[in-house]
N, C-alpha and C. Protein backbone atom coordinates (compact mmCIF):
# COMPACT_ATOMS: atom_id res chain seq x y z
N MET A 1 52.76 112.10 101.16
CA MET A 1 53.96 111.50 101.66
C MET A 1 54.01 111.72 103.17
N THR A 2 54.30 110.66 103.90
CA THR A 2 54.37 110.77 105.36
C THR A 2 55.66 111.50 105.77
N GLU A 3 55.67 111.91 107.01
CA GLU A 3 56.86 112.59 107.52
C GLU A 3 58.07 111.68 107.46
N GLN A 4 57.90 110.39 107.82
CA GLN A 4 59.01 109.44 107.77
C GLN A 4 59.50 109.24 106.34
N ALA A 5 58.58 109.16 105.38
CA ALA A 5 58.96 109.00 103.98
C ALA A 5 59.71 110.23 103.48
N THR A 6 59.25 111.40 103.91
CA THR A 6 59.92 112.64 103.52
C THR A 6 61.34 112.67 104.08
N ILE A 7 61.49 112.31 105.35
CA ILE A 7 62.81 112.27 105.98
C ILE A 7 63.71 111.26 105.27
N ALA A 8 63.17 110.08 104.97
CA ALA A 8 63.96 109.05 104.27
C ALA A 8 64.40 109.54 102.89
N ALA A 9 63.52 110.21 102.18
CA ALA A 9 63.86 110.74 100.85
C ALA A 9 64.95 111.80 100.96
N LEU A 10 64.84 112.67 101.98
CA LEU A 10 65.85 113.71 102.17
C LEU A 10 67.20 113.10 102.57
N VAL A 11 67.19 112.09 103.42
CA VAL A 11 68.43 111.41 103.81
C VAL A 11 69.09 110.81 102.58
N GLN A 12 68.31 110.16 101.72
CA GLN A 12 68.88 109.56 100.51
C GLN A 12 69.49 110.63 99.60
N ARG A 13 68.81 111.75 99.45
CA ARG A 13 69.34 112.83 98.62
C ARG A 13 70.65 113.39 99.20
N ILE A 14 70.70 113.52 100.52
CA ILE A 14 71.92 114.01 101.17
C ILE A 14 73.06 113.00 100.97
N GLU A 15 72.77 111.71 101.09
CA GLU A 15 73.79 110.68 100.88
C GLU A 15 74.34 110.74 99.46
N VAL A 16 73.49 110.96 98.47
CA VAL A 16 73.94 111.08 97.08
C VAL A 16 74.83 112.31 96.92
N LEU A 17 74.41 113.44 97.48
CA LEU A 17 75.21 114.66 97.39
C LEU A 17 76.57 114.49 98.07
N GLU A 18 76.59 113.84 99.22
CA GLU A 18 77.86 113.60 99.92
C GLU A 18 78.74 112.66 99.11
N ALA A 19 78.14 111.62 98.49
CA ALA A 19 78.92 110.70 97.66
C ALA A 19 79.52 111.44 96.47
N GLU A 20 78.73 112.28 95.82
CA GLU A 20 79.24 113.06 94.68
C GLU A 20 80.41 113.94 95.12
N ALA A 21 80.28 114.58 96.27
CA ALA A 21 81.36 115.45 96.77
C ALA A 21 82.62 114.63 97.06
N ASP A 22 82.46 113.46 97.69
CA ASP A 22 83.62 112.60 97.98
C ASP A 22 84.29 112.15 96.69
N ILE A 23 83.51 111.74 95.70
CA ILE A 23 84.06 111.28 94.42
C ILE A 23 84.76 112.43 93.71
N ARG A 24 84.17 113.59 93.73
CA ARG A 24 84.79 114.78 93.13
C ARG A 24 86.15 115.05 93.78
N ARG A 25 86.23 114.95 95.11
CA ARG A 25 87.49 115.18 95.81
C ARG A 25 88.52 114.11 95.47
N ILE A 26 88.09 112.86 95.38
CA ILE A 26 89.02 111.78 95.04
C ILE A 26 89.58 111.99 93.64
N GLN A 27 88.72 112.30 92.68
CA GLN A 27 89.19 112.50 91.31
C GLN A 27 90.14 113.70 91.23
N ALA A 28 89.79 114.78 91.90
CA ALA A 28 90.65 115.96 91.90
C ALA A 28 91.97 115.68 92.60
N ARG A 29 91.94 114.92 93.69
CA ARG A 29 93.18 114.57 94.40
C ARG A 29 94.08 113.72 93.52
N TYR A 30 93.50 112.77 92.80
CA TYR A 30 94.28 111.95 91.87
C TYR A 30 95.03 112.86 90.89
N MET A 31 94.30 113.79 90.27
CA MET A 31 94.92 114.69 89.29
C MET A 31 95.98 115.57 89.96
N PHE A 32 95.69 116.05 91.14
CA PHE A 32 96.61 116.89 91.91
C PHE A 32 97.93 116.14 92.15
N LEU A 33 97.83 114.88 92.55
CA LEU A 33 99.01 114.08 92.83
C LEU A 33 99.79 113.73 91.56
N CYS A 34 99.12 113.76 90.40
CA CYS A 34 99.79 113.48 89.13
C CYS A 34 100.46 114.71 88.54
N ASP A 35 100.21 115.90 89.09
CA ASP A 35 100.83 117.12 88.58
C ASP A 35 102.33 117.12 88.82
N THR A 36 103.07 117.81 87.94
CA THR A 36 104.51 117.98 88.08
C THR A 36 104.79 119.47 87.97
N PRO A 37 105.51 120.08 88.93
CA PRO A 37 105.96 119.44 90.15
C PRO A 37 104.78 119.09 91.05
N CYS A 38 104.95 118.04 91.84
CA CYS A 38 103.87 117.58 92.71
C CYS A 38 103.59 118.64 93.78
N PRO A 39 102.36 119.17 93.83
CA PRO A 39 102.06 120.24 94.79
C PRO A 39 101.74 119.74 96.20
N GLU A 40 101.68 118.44 96.42
CA GLU A 40 101.36 117.90 97.74
C GLU A 40 102.53 118.15 98.68
N PHE A 41 102.27 118.74 99.83
CA PHE A 41 103.32 119.04 100.80
C PHE A 41 103.96 117.76 101.31
N ASP A 42 105.27 117.78 101.44
CA ASP A 42 106.05 116.72 102.06
C ASP A 42 106.05 115.41 101.28
N VAL A 43 105.81 115.45 99.98
CA VAL A 43 105.99 114.25 99.17
C VAL A 43 107.48 114.15 98.88
N ARG A 44 108.10 113.11 99.42
CA ARG A 44 109.55 112.99 99.41
C ARG A 44 110.12 112.58 98.06
N ASP A 45 109.36 111.73 97.33
CA ASP A 45 109.85 111.23 96.05
C ASP A 45 108.68 110.60 95.30
N ASP A 46 108.95 110.08 94.11
CA ASP A 46 107.88 109.50 93.31
C ASP A 46 107.30 108.23 93.93
N THR A 47 108.09 107.49 94.69
CA THR A 47 107.55 106.32 95.38
C THR A 47 106.48 106.74 96.38
N HIS A 48 106.75 107.79 97.13
CA HIS A 48 105.77 108.32 98.08
C HIS A 48 104.53 108.83 97.35
N ARG A 49 104.74 109.53 96.25
CA ARG A 49 103.63 110.03 95.44
C ARG A 49 102.77 108.86 94.96
N ILE A 50 103.39 107.81 94.47
CA ILE A 50 102.65 106.64 93.98
C ILE A 50 101.87 105.99 95.12
N ASP A 51 102.46 105.90 96.31
CA ASP A 51 101.74 105.37 97.48
C ASP A 51 100.47 106.16 97.74
N LEU A 52 100.56 107.49 97.67
CA LEU A 52 99.39 108.34 97.91
C LEU A 52 98.33 108.15 96.82
N ILE A 53 98.76 107.99 95.59
CA ILE A 53 97.82 107.72 94.50
C ILE A 53 97.13 106.39 94.72
N LEU A 54 97.90 105.36 95.06
CA LEU A 54 97.31 104.03 95.24
C LEU A 54 96.34 103.97 96.42
N ASP A 55 96.50 104.86 97.39
CA ASP A 55 95.54 104.93 98.51
C ASP A 55 94.14 105.29 98.02
N LEU A 56 94.03 105.86 96.82
CA LEU A 56 92.74 106.25 96.26
C LEU A 56 92.04 105.09 95.56
N TYR A 57 92.72 103.98 95.36
CA TYR A 57 92.21 102.85 94.58
C TYR A 57 91.83 101.65 95.45
N THR A 58 90.89 100.85 94.95
CA THR A 58 90.59 99.55 95.57
C THR A 58 91.67 98.56 95.14
N GLU A 59 91.76 97.45 95.85
CA GLU A 59 92.75 96.41 95.53
C GLU A 59 92.53 95.84 94.13
N ASP A 60 91.28 95.74 93.69
CA ASP A 60 90.97 95.12 92.40
C ASP A 60 90.80 96.14 91.27
N ALA A 61 91.28 97.35 91.47
CA ALA A 61 91.07 98.43 90.50
C ALA A 61 91.78 98.15 89.17
N VAL A 62 91.31 98.85 88.15
CA VAL A 62 91.88 98.77 86.80
C VAL A 62 92.23 100.19 86.36
N TRP A 63 93.41 100.35 85.75
CA TRP A 63 93.81 101.61 85.13
C TRP A 63 94.07 101.28 83.67
N GLU A 64 93.36 101.97 82.76
CA GLU A 64 93.55 101.64 81.35
C GLU A 64 93.46 102.85 80.44
N GLY A 65 94.27 102.81 79.41
CA GLY A 65 94.19 103.75 78.32
C GLY A 65 93.50 103.05 77.17
N VAL A 66 92.49 103.67 76.58
CA VAL A 66 91.71 103.02 75.53
C VAL A 66 91.64 103.91 74.29
N GLY A 67 91.25 103.31 73.18
CA GLY A 67 91.07 104.06 71.95
C GLY A 67 92.29 103.97 71.05
N GLU A 68 92.16 104.56 69.89
CA GLU A 68 93.18 104.46 68.85
C GLU A 68 94.58 104.82 69.33
N TYR A 69 94.69 105.86 70.12
CA TYR A 69 96.00 106.35 70.52
C TYR A 69 96.48 105.74 71.84
N TYR A 70 95.61 105.62 72.81
CA TYR A 70 96.03 105.22 74.15
C TYR A 70 96.16 103.71 74.34
N ASP A 71 95.53 102.88 73.50
CA ASP A 71 95.68 101.43 73.62
C ASP A 71 97.15 101.04 73.67
N ASN A 72 97.91 101.54 72.72
CA ASN A 72 99.31 101.17 72.61
C ASN A 72 100.20 101.96 73.55
N GLN A 73 99.78 103.15 73.94
CA GLN A 73 100.62 103.98 74.80
C GLN A 73 100.52 103.57 76.27
N PHE A 74 99.30 103.31 76.76
CA PHE A 74 99.11 103.06 78.18
C PHE A 74 98.72 101.62 78.51
N GLY A 75 97.96 100.97 77.65
CA GLY A 75 97.54 99.61 77.94
C GLY A 75 96.61 99.52 79.13
N ARG A 76 96.66 98.36 79.80
CA ARG A 76 95.74 98.06 80.90
C ARG A 76 96.52 97.49 82.08
N ALA A 77 96.26 98.02 83.27
CA ALA A 77 96.87 97.52 84.50
C ALA A 77 95.75 97.08 85.43
N GLU A 78 95.76 95.82 85.83
CA GLU A 78 94.72 95.26 86.71
C GLU A 78 95.29 94.99 88.09
N GLY A 79 94.70 95.59 89.11
CA GLY A 79 95.14 95.43 90.49
C GLY A 79 96.14 96.51 90.88
N ARG A 80 96.23 96.75 92.19
CA ARG A 80 97.08 97.84 92.66
C ARG A 80 98.55 97.61 92.35
N ALA A 81 99.02 96.37 92.39
CA ALA A 81 100.43 96.10 92.09
C ALA A 81 100.75 96.47 90.64
N ALA A 82 99.86 96.13 89.72
CA ALA A 82 100.06 96.47 88.31
C ALA A 82 99.95 97.99 88.09
N ILE A 83 99.03 98.62 88.81
CA ILE A 83 98.89 100.08 88.69
C ILE A 83 100.16 100.75 89.22
N ARG A 84 100.73 100.21 90.30
CA ARG A 84 102.00 100.74 90.82
C ARG A 84 103.08 100.66 89.74
N ARG A 85 103.20 99.50 89.09
CA ARG A 85 104.21 99.34 88.04
C ARG A 85 103.98 100.34 86.90
N HIS A 86 102.70 100.59 86.57
CA HIS A 86 102.39 101.57 85.52
C HIS A 86 102.96 102.93 85.88
N PHE A 87 102.71 103.39 87.11
CA PHE A 87 103.21 104.70 87.52
C PHE A 87 104.72 104.71 87.70
N GLU A 88 105.28 103.62 88.20
CA GLU A 88 106.75 103.55 88.30
C GLU A 88 107.38 103.66 86.92
N GLY A 89 106.76 103.05 85.93
CA GLY A 89 107.26 103.15 84.56
C GLY A 89 107.13 104.56 84.02
N PHE A 90 106.03 105.23 84.36
CA PHE A 90 105.83 106.58 83.87
C PHE A 90 106.85 107.54 84.46
N TRP A 91 106.97 107.56 85.79
CA TRP A 91 107.89 108.50 86.42
C TRP A 91 109.34 108.00 86.38
N GLY A 92 109.52 106.71 86.16
CA GLY A 92 110.87 106.16 86.12
C GLY A 92 111.52 106.23 84.75
N GLN A 93 110.77 106.57 83.72
CA GLN A 93 111.34 106.59 82.38
C GLN A 93 112.21 107.82 82.19
N ASN A 94 113.49 107.63 82.11
CA ASN A 94 114.41 108.74 81.91
C ASN A 94 114.79 108.83 80.44
N GLN A 95 113.81 108.88 79.59
CA GLN A 95 114.04 108.98 78.16
C GLN A 95 113.71 110.40 77.73
N GLY A 96 114.60 110.96 76.95
CA GLY A 96 114.30 112.29 76.41
C GLY A 96 114.42 113.37 77.45
N PRO A 97 113.89 114.55 77.13
CA PRO A 97 114.01 115.69 78.05
C PRO A 97 113.16 115.47 79.31
N GLU A 98 113.61 116.10 80.39
CA GLU A 98 112.91 116.00 81.68
C GLU A 98 111.57 116.73 81.62
N LEU A 99 110.55 116.12 82.22
CA LEU A 99 109.25 116.76 82.35
C LEU A 99 109.34 117.78 83.48
N LEU A 100 109.14 119.05 83.15
CA LEU A 100 109.24 120.12 84.14
C LEU A 100 107.89 120.51 84.71
N LEU A 101 106.85 120.44 83.87
CA LEU A 101 105.53 120.86 84.33
C LEU A 101 104.46 120.04 83.61
N ASN A 102 103.50 119.62 84.39
CA ASN A 102 102.33 118.92 83.89
C ASN A 102 101.20 119.27 84.86
N ALA A 103 100.18 119.94 84.38
CA ALA A 103 99.08 120.35 85.26
C ALA A 103 97.77 119.88 84.65
N HIS A 104 96.91 119.30 85.49
CA HIS A 104 95.64 118.74 85.03
C HIS A 104 94.49 119.70 85.32
N TYR A 105 93.67 119.95 84.32
CA TYR A 105 92.49 120.80 84.45
C TYR A 105 91.27 119.96 84.10
N LEU A 106 90.37 119.77 85.07
CA LEU A 106 89.17 118.94 84.88
C LEU A 106 87.98 119.80 84.50
N THR A 107 87.13 119.27 83.61
CA THR A 107 85.94 119.98 83.19
C THR A 107 84.86 118.98 82.77
N SER A 108 83.69 119.48 82.44
CA SER A 108 82.57 118.68 81.91
C SER A 108 82.22 117.50 82.82
N GLU A 109 82.17 117.75 84.11
CA GLU A 109 81.95 116.70 85.10
C GLU A 109 80.53 116.15 85.07
N GLN A 110 80.45 114.84 85.17
CA GLN A 110 79.18 114.14 85.39
C GLN A 110 79.45 113.02 86.39
N ILE A 111 78.72 112.97 87.48
CA ILE A 111 78.86 111.91 88.47
C ILE A 111 77.49 111.29 88.68
N HIS A 112 77.44 109.96 88.65
CA HIS A 112 76.19 109.22 88.83
C HIS A 112 76.38 108.21 89.95
N VAL A 113 75.64 108.36 91.03
CA VAL A 113 75.75 107.48 92.19
C VAL A 113 74.63 106.45 92.14
N HIS A 114 75.02 105.19 92.31
CA HIS A 114 74.08 104.06 92.31
C HIS A 114 74.32 103.25 93.58
N GLY A 115 73.82 103.74 94.70
CA GLY A 115 74.04 103.04 95.97
C GLY A 115 75.50 103.14 96.38
N ASP A 116 76.18 101.98 96.48
CA ASP A 116 77.57 101.94 96.89
C ASP A 116 78.54 101.93 95.71
N GLU A 117 78.02 102.18 94.51
CA GLU A 117 78.87 102.27 93.32
C GLU A 117 78.52 103.55 92.57
N ALA A 118 79.48 104.02 91.79
CA ALA A 118 79.26 105.26 91.04
C ALA A 118 80.15 105.27 89.81
N ASP A 119 79.78 106.10 88.86
CA ASP A 119 80.64 106.35 87.71
C ASP A 119 80.71 107.85 87.49
N GLY A 120 81.78 108.27 86.86
CA GLY A 120 81.96 109.68 86.59
C GLY A 120 82.69 109.88 85.28
N GLN A 121 82.33 110.95 84.60
CA GLN A 121 82.98 111.29 83.35
C GLN A 121 83.48 112.73 83.45
N TRP A 122 84.66 112.94 82.90
CA TRP A 122 85.28 114.26 82.85
C TRP A 122 86.03 114.38 81.53
N ILE A 123 86.34 115.59 81.18
CA ILE A 123 87.34 115.86 80.15
C ILE A 123 88.45 116.61 80.86
N HIS A 124 89.67 116.26 80.55
CA HIS A 124 90.75 117.03 81.16
C HIS A 124 91.74 117.48 80.10
N MET A 125 92.36 118.60 80.40
CA MET A 125 93.40 119.18 79.56
C MET A 125 94.64 119.25 80.43
N GLN A 126 95.79 119.09 79.79
CA GLN A 126 97.03 119.21 80.54
C GLN A 126 98.16 119.68 79.63
N PRO A 127 98.78 120.79 80.00
CA PRO A 127 99.99 121.21 79.30
C PRO A 127 101.18 120.41 79.84
N TRP A 128 102.09 120.08 78.96
CA TRP A 128 103.34 119.40 79.32
C TRP A 128 104.49 120.29 78.86
N LEU A 129 105.39 120.64 79.77
CA LEU A 129 106.57 121.44 79.44
C LEU A 129 107.81 120.61 79.75
N PHE A 130 108.76 120.60 78.81
CA PHE A 130 109.96 119.78 78.95
C PHE A 130 111.21 120.65 79.02
N SER A 131 112.29 120.08 79.56
CA SER A 131 113.53 120.82 79.80
C SER A 131 114.19 121.32 78.52
N ASP A 132 113.88 120.75 77.37
CA ASP A 132 114.48 121.22 76.12
C ASP A 132 113.66 122.33 75.45
N GLY A 133 112.62 122.84 76.14
CA GLY A 133 111.80 123.92 75.61
C GLY A 133 110.60 123.45 74.81
N THR A 134 110.51 122.13 74.55
CA THR A 134 109.33 121.63 73.84
C THR A 134 108.15 121.57 74.80
N ALA A 135 106.96 121.60 74.24
CA ALA A 135 105.74 121.58 75.05
C ALA A 135 104.61 120.99 74.21
N LEU A 136 103.63 120.45 74.89
CA LEU A 136 102.45 119.95 74.20
C LEU A 136 101.23 120.14 75.07
N LEU A 137 100.08 120.12 74.43
CA LEU A 137 98.80 120.19 75.11
C LEU A 137 98.08 118.89 74.83
N ARG A 138 97.64 118.23 75.89
CA ARG A 138 96.98 116.94 75.78
C ARG A 138 95.59 117.06 76.38
N SER A 139 94.62 116.41 75.74
CA SER A 139 93.26 116.36 76.27
C SER A 139 92.77 114.93 76.23
N SER A 140 92.07 114.53 77.28
CA SER A 140 91.55 113.17 77.38
C SER A 140 90.15 113.18 77.96
N ARG A 141 89.39 112.14 77.62
CA ARG A 141 88.11 111.86 78.28
C ARG A 141 88.37 110.81 79.35
N LEU A 142 87.76 111.00 80.48
CA LEU A 142 87.85 110.03 81.57
C LEU A 142 86.48 109.42 81.80
N ASN A 143 86.44 108.12 81.96
CA ASN A 143 85.21 107.41 82.30
C ASN A 143 85.58 106.46 83.43
N ASN A 144 85.43 106.92 84.66
CA ASN A 144 85.93 106.22 85.84
C ASN A 144 84.79 105.65 86.67
N THR A 145 85.11 104.62 87.45
CA THR A 145 84.12 104.04 88.36
C THR A 145 84.67 104.05 89.78
N PHE A 146 83.74 104.01 90.74
CA PHE A 146 84.07 104.16 92.15
C PHE A 146 83.22 103.20 92.97
N ARG A 147 83.72 102.85 94.16
CA ARG A 147 82.96 102.00 95.09
C ARG A 147 83.14 102.52 96.50
N ARG A 148 82.05 102.49 97.25
CA ARG A 148 82.12 102.85 98.67
C ARG A 148 82.69 101.64 99.42
N THR A 149 83.75 101.87 100.17
CA THR A 149 84.38 100.81 100.96
C THR A 149 84.27 101.18 102.43
N GLY A 150 84.82 100.35 103.29
CA GLY A 150 84.86 100.66 104.71
C GLY A 150 85.67 101.91 105.01
N ASP A 151 86.55 102.27 104.08
CA ASP A 151 87.40 103.46 104.25
C ASP A 151 86.91 104.63 103.41
N GLY A 152 85.67 104.56 102.93
CA GLY A 152 85.13 105.63 102.10
C GLY A 152 85.17 105.25 100.63
N TRP A 153 84.92 106.21 99.78
CA TRP A 153 84.89 105.98 98.33
C TRP A 153 86.31 105.79 97.81
N ARG A 154 86.44 104.83 96.87
CA ARG A 154 87.71 104.55 96.22
C ARG A 154 87.47 104.37 94.73
N ILE A 155 88.52 104.58 93.96
CA ILE A 155 88.46 104.39 92.51
C ILE A 155 88.56 102.89 92.20
N THR A 156 87.66 102.40 91.37
CA THR A 156 87.73 101.01 90.92
C THR A 156 88.21 100.90 89.48
N ARG A 157 88.06 101.98 88.72
CA ARG A 157 88.58 101.98 87.35
C ARG A 157 88.88 103.41 86.92
N THR A 158 90.07 103.59 86.38
CA THR A 158 90.43 104.81 85.66
C THR A 158 90.52 104.40 84.20
N ARG A 159 89.72 105.03 83.38
CA ARG A 159 89.70 104.72 81.95
C ARG A 159 89.84 106.03 81.19
N THR A 160 90.92 106.15 80.44
CA THR A 160 91.23 107.40 79.75
C THR A 160 91.34 107.17 78.25
N GLU A 161 90.77 108.10 77.51
CA GLU A 161 90.76 108.03 76.05
C GLU A 161 91.27 109.37 75.50
N ASN A 162 92.22 109.30 74.58
CA ASN A 162 92.78 110.51 73.99
C ASN A 162 91.73 111.28 73.21
N VAL A 163 91.66 112.59 73.40
CA VAL A 163 90.85 113.47 72.57
C VAL A 163 91.78 114.10 71.52
N PHE A 164 92.90 114.69 71.99
CA PHE A 164 93.91 115.19 71.06
C PHE A 164 95.22 115.44 71.79
N ILE A 165 96.28 115.50 71.01
CA ILE A 165 97.59 115.94 71.49
C ILE A 165 98.09 116.94 70.44
N SER A 166 98.54 118.09 70.92
CA SER A 166 98.99 119.13 70.00
C SER A 166 100.29 119.74 70.50
N PRO A 167 101.28 119.87 69.64
CA PRO A 167 102.50 120.56 70.07
C PRO A 167 102.20 122.03 70.32
N LEU A 168 102.90 122.58 71.29
CA LEU A 168 102.81 124.00 71.58
C LEU A 168 104.11 124.66 71.10
N PRO A 169 104.11 125.96 70.89
CA PRO A 169 105.33 126.64 70.44
C PRO A 169 106.51 126.39 71.38
N HIS A 170 107.71 126.37 70.83
CA HIS A 170 108.93 126.19 71.62
C HIS A 170 108.99 127.25 72.73
N ASN A 171 109.40 126.85 73.92
CA ASN A 171 109.43 127.73 75.10
C ASN A 171 108.09 128.43 75.31
N PHE A 172 107.03 127.67 75.17
CA PHE A 172 105.64 128.14 75.28
C PHE A 172 105.40 128.96 76.55
N ALA A 173 105.87 128.47 77.69
CA ALA A 173 105.62 129.16 78.96
C ALA A 173 106.84 129.99 79.34
N GLU A 174 106.59 131.23 79.73
CA GLU A 174 107.68 132.12 80.13
C GLU A 174 108.17 131.82 81.54
N SER A 175 107.25 131.42 82.41
CA SER A 175 107.65 131.14 83.79
C SER A 175 106.79 130.02 84.35
N PHE A 176 107.41 129.22 85.19
CA PHE A 176 106.72 128.12 85.86
C PHE A 176 107.59 127.69 87.03
N PRO A 177 106.99 127.11 88.07
CA PRO A 177 107.74 126.77 89.27
C PRO A 177 108.58 125.51 89.11
N SER A 178 109.74 125.48 89.74
CA SER A 178 110.54 124.25 89.77
C SER A 178 110.07 123.33 90.88
N THR A 179 109.47 123.92 91.91
CA THR A 179 108.82 123.16 92.98
C THR A 179 107.58 123.94 93.39
N SER A 180 106.65 123.22 93.98
CA SER A 180 105.45 123.89 94.44
C SER A 180 105.59 124.25 95.91
N VAL A 181 105.21 125.47 96.25
CA VAL A 181 105.23 125.91 97.65
C VAL A 181 103.82 126.10 98.17
N LEU A 182 102.84 125.77 97.35
CA LEU A 182 101.45 125.98 97.68
C LEU A 182 101.04 125.32 98.99
N MET A 183 101.46 124.11 99.21
CA MET A 183 100.99 123.33 100.36
C MET A 183 101.90 123.38 101.57
N ARG A 184 102.92 124.21 101.55
CA ARG A 184 103.78 124.32 102.74
C ARG A 184 103.00 124.95 103.88
N PRO A 185 103.25 124.47 105.10
CA PRO A 185 102.53 125.04 106.25
C PRO A 185 102.93 126.45 106.56
């Protein structure tokens, strides 16, 4: 292998590693912004939170829940305007007890970069705590796609499939924050 070929191969490997790191950060940021209470500093309200989430997506992105359980619960939203409505419906639904805590834990990561496009798979777990003391544990598989744009990597598809949902004991958590102070300066 010539020196130029070696350098070109190393540059390509570095580009893949950088793409994987960017995609990992985007996916983690998405989950971070979906946590309740929202830990992002200076997020004024859910509209602002949704704006920050949508900044992670391409204009033609798709958000969908698939499989036996999620088809009917989440459906499919095509384009950023439809994805906005999906999140407005989620945070705007004042049915039942208030959601006090929802935290996303990502695991089993796989990221595959193919030039300017990529896909990634994760499993995530999330506890949900409600104001009436009820709680549940939810797990989902994610199969997402990404595209490199002029502004960096963006999500082109969020695809989530239910693994399980399980009730947790009443008043499962003894303590949890009403607001996050993690990101305060």
